[in-house]
Amino acid sequence: MAHDRSNELQGKSNERLMSRRKFFTRISIITGAIAGALVATPVIGFIFAPLIRPDREIWRPVGDLNDFEIGRTVKVTFPDAKPLRWSGQTGENS
């Protein structure tokens, strides 16, 4: 009779352990999925951004054609295609 009672208590203990184990397994899976989504979001945005919003080609005037000769280097200053507000003088290309 005492042996049956100990088996019954051990069975309840195993049920608790299994439910606790399932709980922590599910919490781990959910936490891993959230972390994976947080890491994957910028990567997916980086990959698909050019498809959603392609860059426009803009031609910029750099000078008259007669100012350029073959074999001669000419300094030309023009604005950067994508300057940042705080770029200042580095927003100019030569």
N, C-alpha and C. Protein backbone atom coordinates (compact mmCIF):
# COMPACT_ATOMS: atom_id res chain seq x y z
N MET A 1 0.81 -1.18 0.00
CA MET A 1 0.00 0.00 0.00
C MET A 1 0.86 1.26 0.00
N ALA A 2 1.90 1.27 0.80
CA ALA A 2 2.82 2.41 0.83
C ALA A 2 3.55 2.52 -0.50
N HIS A 3 3.81 1.36 -1.08
CA HIS A 3 4.52 1.34 -2.37
C HIS A 3 3.65 1.97 -3.47
N ASP A 4 2.33 1.71 -3.44
CA ASP A 4 1.41 2.30 -4.41
C ASP A 4 1.34 3.81 -4.27
N ARG A 5 1.37 4.26 -3.04
CA ARG A 5 1.30 5.72 -2.77
C ARG A 5 2.55 6.41 -3.30
N SER A 6 3.73 5.82 -3.12
CA SER A 6 4.96 6.42 -3.61
C SER A 6 4.99 6.44 -5.13
N ASN A 7 4.47 5.38 -5.77
CA ASN A 7 4.39 5.37 -7.23
C ASN A 7 3.44 6.46 -7.73
N GLU A 8 2.34 6.66 -7.01
CA GLU A 8 1.38 7.69 -7.39
C GLU A 8 2.00 9.08 -7.28
N LEU A 9 2.75 9.33 -6.20
CA LEU A 9 3.43 10.62 -6.04
C LEU A 9 4.51 10.81 -7.10
N GLN A 10 5.21 9.74 -7.40
CA GLN A 10 6.26 9.83 -8.42
C GLN A 10 5.65 10.10 -9.79
N GLY A 11 4.50 9.53 -10.08
CA GLY A 11 3.81 9.77 -11.34
C GLY A 11 3.39 11.23 -11.47
N LYS A 12 2.86 11.82 -10.39
CA LYS A 12 2.50 13.24 -10.41
C LYS A 12 3.73 14.10 -10.58
N SER A 13 4.82 13.70 -9.94
CA SER A 13 6.07 14.46 -10.07
C SER A 13 6.55 14.43 -11.52
N ASN A 14 6.47 13.27 -12.15
CA ASN A 14 6.88 13.15 -13.55
C ASN A 14 5.99 13.99 -14.46
N GLU A 15 4.67 14.02 -14.17
CA GLU A 15 3.77 14.85 -14.97
C GLU A 15 4.13 16.31 -14.84
N ARG A 16 4.42 16.74 -13.62
CA ARG A 16 4.82 18.13 -13.42
C ARG A 16 6.12 18.43 -14.14
N LEU A 17 7.06 17.50 -14.04
CA LEU A 17 8.35 17.70 -14.70
C LEU A 17 8.16 17.78 -16.21
N MET A 18 7.33 16.94 -16.76
CA MET A 18 7.11 16.97 -18.21
C MET A 18 6.40 18.26 -18.61
N SER A 19 5.40 18.69 -17.85
CA SER A 19 4.72 19.92 -18.22
C SER A 19 5.65 21.11 -18.07
N ARG A 20 6.49 21.08 -17.06
CA ARG A 20 7.48 22.15 -16.87
C ARG A 20 8.49 22.13 -18.02
N ARG A 21 8.90 20.94 -18.40
CA ARG A 21 9.85 20.80 -19.51
C ARG A 21 9.23 21.31 -20.81
N LYS A 22 7.97 20.98 -21.05
CA LYS A 22 7.27 21.47 -22.25
C LYS A 22 7.15 22.99 -22.22
N PHE A 23 6.87 23.53 -21.03
CA PHE A 23 6.75 24.98 -20.89
C PHE A 23 8.05 25.67 -21.27
N PHE A 24 9.15 25.21 -20.72
CA PHE A 24 10.43 25.85 -21.02
C PHE A 24 10.87 25.61 -22.47
N THR A 25 10.50 24.47 -23.02
CA THR A 25 10.80 24.22 -24.43
C THR A 25 10.06 25.21 -25.31
N ARG A 26 8.79 25.40 -25.02
CA ARG A 26 8.00 26.35 -25.81
C ARG A 26 8.49 27.78 -25.63
N ILE A 27 8.84 28.15 -24.41
CA ILE A 27 9.39 29.50 -24.17
C ILE A 27 10.68 29.69 -24.95
N SER A 28 11.53 28.67 -24.96
CA SER A 28 12.79 28.75 -25.71
C SER A 28 12.55 28.90 -27.21
N ILE A 29 11.59 28.16 -27.73
CA ILE A 29 11.27 28.23 -29.16
C ILE A 29 10.73 29.61 -29.51
N ILE A 30 9.83 30.12 -28.68
CA ILE A 30 9.25 31.44 -28.94
C ILE A 30 10.31 32.53 -28.86
N THR A 31 11.18 32.45 -27.85
CA THR A 31 12.25 33.44 -27.71
C THR A 31 13.21 33.38 -28.90
N GLY A 32 13.54 32.19 -29.33
CA GLY A 32 14.41 32.04 -30.50
C GLY A 32 13.77 32.58 -31.76
N ALA A 33 12.46 32.36 -31.92
CA ALA A 33 11.76 32.87 -33.10
C ALA A 33 11.73 34.39 -33.10
N ILE A 34 11.50 34.99 -31.94
CA ILE A 34 11.49 36.46 -31.85
C ILE A 34 12.88 37.01 -32.15
N ALA A 35 13.91 36.40 -31.58
CA ALA A 35 15.28 36.87 -31.84
C ALA A 35 15.62 36.72 -33.32
N GLY A 36 15.23 35.61 -33.93
CA GLY A 36 15.48 35.41 -35.36
C GLY A 36 14.77 36.45 -36.21
N ALA A 37 13.54 36.78 -35.84
CA ALA A 37 12.79 37.80 -36.59
C ALA A 37 13.44 39.17 -36.45
N LEU A 38 13.94 39.49 -35.26
CA LEU A 38 14.61 40.77 -35.06
C LEU A 38 15.88 40.88 -35.88
N VAL A 39 16.60 39.80 -35.99
CA VAL A 39 17.85 39.81 -36.78
C VAL A 39 17.53 39.80 -38.28
N ALA A 40 16.51 39.08 -38.69
CA ALA A 40 16.20 38.93 -40.12
C ALA A 40 15.54 40.15 -40.73
N THR A 41 14.85 40.96 -39.94
CA THR A 41 14.11 42.10 -40.49
C THR A 41 15.00 43.08 -41.25
N PRO A 42 16.11 43.57 -40.68
CA PRO A 42 16.95 44.49 -41.46
C PRO A 42 17.60 43.83 -42.68
N VAL A 43 17.93 42.56 -42.56
CA VAL A 43 18.54 41.85 -43.68
C VAL A 43 17.56 41.75 -44.84
N ILE A 44 16.32 41.40 -44.54
CA ILE A 44 15.29 41.31 -45.58
C ILE A 44 15.04 42.69 -46.19
N GLY A 45 15.00 43.73 -45.36
CA GLY A 45 14.83 45.09 -45.88
C GLY A 45 15.98 45.49 -46.79
N PHE A 46 17.20 45.12 -46.42
CA PHE A 46 18.36 45.44 -47.25
C PHE A 46 18.29 44.74 -48.60
N ILE A 47 17.80 43.52 -48.62
CA ILE A 47 17.72 42.76 -49.86
C ILE A 47 16.61 43.29 -50.78
N PHE A 48 15.45 43.60 -50.21
CA PHE A 48 14.30 43.97 -51.04
C PHE A 48 14.15 45.47 -51.27
N ALA A 49 14.89 46.32 -50.59
CA ALA A 49 14.76 47.77 -50.77
C ALA A 49 15.01 48.22 -52.21
N PRO A 50 16.02 47.72 -52.90
CA PRO A 50 16.22 48.15 -54.29
C PRO A 50 15.07 47.75 -55.21
N LEU A 51 14.37 46.69 -54.90
CA LEU A 51 13.24 46.27 -55.73
C LEU A 51 12.03 47.17 -55.50
N ILE A 52 11.85 47.61 -54.28
CA ILE A 52 10.70 48.44 -53.93
C ILE A 52 10.92 49.89 -54.35
N ARG A 53 12.12 50.39 -54.10
CA ARG A 53 12.42 51.80 -54.36
C ARG A 53 13.76 51.90 -55.11
N PRO A 54 13.77 51.68 -56.41
CA PRO A 54 15.03 51.74 -57.16
C PRO A 54 15.57 53.17 -57.23
N ASP A 55 16.89 53.27 -57.29
CA ASP A 55 17.54 54.58 -57.40
C ASP A 55 17.32 55.16 -58.79
N ARG A 56 17.16 56.47 -58.82
CA ARG A 56 17.02 57.15 -60.11
C ARG A 56 18.41 57.54 -60.61
N GLU A 57 18.60 57.40 -61.91
CA GLU A 57 19.85 57.87 -62.50
C GLU A 57 19.71 59.35 -62.80
N ILE A 58 20.64 60.12 -62.29
CA ILE A 58 20.62 61.57 -62.50
C ILE A 58 21.93 61.97 -63.18
N TRP A 59 21.80 62.64 -64.30
CA TRP A 59 22.97 63.15 -64.99
C TRP A 59 23.29 64.52 -64.43
N ARG A 60 24.55 64.75 -64.10
CA ARG A 60 24.98 66.02 -63.55
C ARG A 60 25.95 66.68 -64.52
N PRO A 61 25.75 67.96 -64.76
CA PRO A 61 26.69 68.63 -65.66
C PRO A 61 28.04 68.81 -64.96
N VAL A 62 29.11 68.49 -65.65
CA VAL A 62 30.46 68.64 -65.10
C VAL A 62 31.31 69.60 -65.91
N GLY A 63 30.78 70.08 -67.00
CA GLY A 63 31.54 71.03 -67.80
C GLY A 63 31.27 70.84 -69.28
N ASP A 64 31.83 71.75 -70.05
CA ASP A 64 31.68 71.71 -71.50
C ASP A 64 32.59 70.62 -72.06
N LEU A 65 32.17 69.99 -73.11
CA LEU A 65 32.94 68.92 -73.72
C LEU A 65 34.31 69.41 -74.19
N ASN A 66 34.40 70.66 -74.62
CA ASN A 66 35.67 71.21 -75.10
C ASN A 66 36.67 71.43 -73.96
N ASP A 67 36.22 71.42 -72.70
CA ASP A 67 37.13 71.57 -71.56
C ASP A 67 37.92 70.29 -71.28
N PHE A 68 37.52 69.20 -71.88
CA PHE A 68 38.16 67.90 -71.62
C PHE A 68 38.92 67.46 -72.86
N GLU A 69 40.19 67.16 -72.64
CA GLU A 69 41.03 66.67 -73.74
C GLU A 69 41.58 65.31 -73.37
N ILE A 70 41.79 64.48 -74.35
CA ILE A 70 42.35 63.15 -74.11
C ILE A 70 43.78 63.30 -73.61
N GLY A 71 44.10 62.62 -72.50
CA GLY A 71 45.43 62.64 -71.94
C GLY A 71 45.65 63.77 -70.94
N ARG A 72 44.69 64.63 -70.71
CA ARG A 72 44.84 65.76 -69.77
C ARG A 72 43.84 65.58 -68.64
N THR A 73 44.32 65.75 -67.41
CA THR A 73 43.46 65.63 -66.24
C THR A 73 42.87 66.99 -65.91
N VAL A 74 41.56 67.00 -65.69
CA VAL A 74 40.86 68.24 -65.38
C VAL A 74 40.11 68.03 -64.06
N LYS A 75 40.27 68.98 -63.13
CA LYS A 75 39.56 68.89 -61.86
C LYS A 75 38.14 69.42 -62.06
N VAL A 76 37.17 68.60 -61.63
CA VAL A 76 35.76 68.96 -61.73
C VAL A 76 35.13 68.71 -60.37
N THR A 77 34.39 69.69 -59.87
CA THR A 77 33.69 69.53 -58.60
C THR A 77 32.19 69.43 -58.87
N PHE A 78 31.58 68.42 -58.28
CA PHE A 78 30.14 68.23 -58.45
C PHE A 78 29.57 67.67 -57.15
N PRO A 79 28.27 67.89 -56.91
CA PRO A 79 27.68 67.40 -55.66
C PRO A 79 27.55 65.89 -55.65
N ASP A 80 27.68 65.32 -54.47
CA ASP A 80 27.54 63.89 -54.27
C ASP A 80 26.12 63.45 -54.63
N ALA A 81 25.98 62.25 -55.15
CA ALA A 81 24.67 61.75 -55.56
C ALA A 81 23.73 61.56 -54.37
N LYS A 82 24.26 61.14 -53.24
CA LYS A 82 23.44 60.92 -52.04
C LYS A 82 24.14 61.54 -50.83
N PRO A 83 24.20 62.85 -50.76
CA PRO A 83 24.90 63.44 -49.62
C PRO A 83 24.06 63.36 -48.35
N LEU A 84 24.75 63.30 -47.24
CA LEU A 84 24.08 63.36 -45.95
C LEU A 84 24.02 64.82 -45.52
N ARG A 85 23.06 65.14 -44.67
CA ARG A 85 22.91 66.54 -44.25
C ARG A 85 24.16 67.07 -43.57
N TRP A 86 24.83 66.23 -42.82
CA TRP A 86 25.98 66.67 -42.05
C TRP A 86 27.32 66.42 -42.76
N SER A 87 27.27 66.04 -44.04
CA SER A 87 28.51 65.71 -44.74
C SER A 87 29.37 66.93 -45.04
N GLY A 88 28.76 68.10 -45.15
CA GLY A 88 29.54 69.32 -45.35
C GLY A 88 30.36 69.29 -46.62
N GLN A 89 31.65 69.58 -46.49
CA GLN A 89 32.55 69.65 -47.65
C GLN A 89 32.77 68.28 -48.29
N THR A 90 32.61 67.22 -47.52
CA THR A 90 32.80 65.88 -48.10
C THR A 90 31.65 65.50 -49.03
N GLY A 91 30.59 66.29 -49.04
CA GLY A 91 29.49 66.07 -49.98
C GLY A 91 29.85 66.50 -51.40
N GLU A 92 30.98 67.12 -51.56
CA GLU A 92 31.47 67.52 -52.88
C GLU A 92 32.48 66.46 -53.37
N ASN A 93 32.35 66.03 -54.59
CA ASN A 93 33.29 65.08 -55.20
C ASN A 93 34.14 65.80 -56.22
N SER A 94 35.34 65.31 -56.39
CA SER A 94 36.23 65.88 -57.40
C SER A 94 36.65 64.81 -58.37
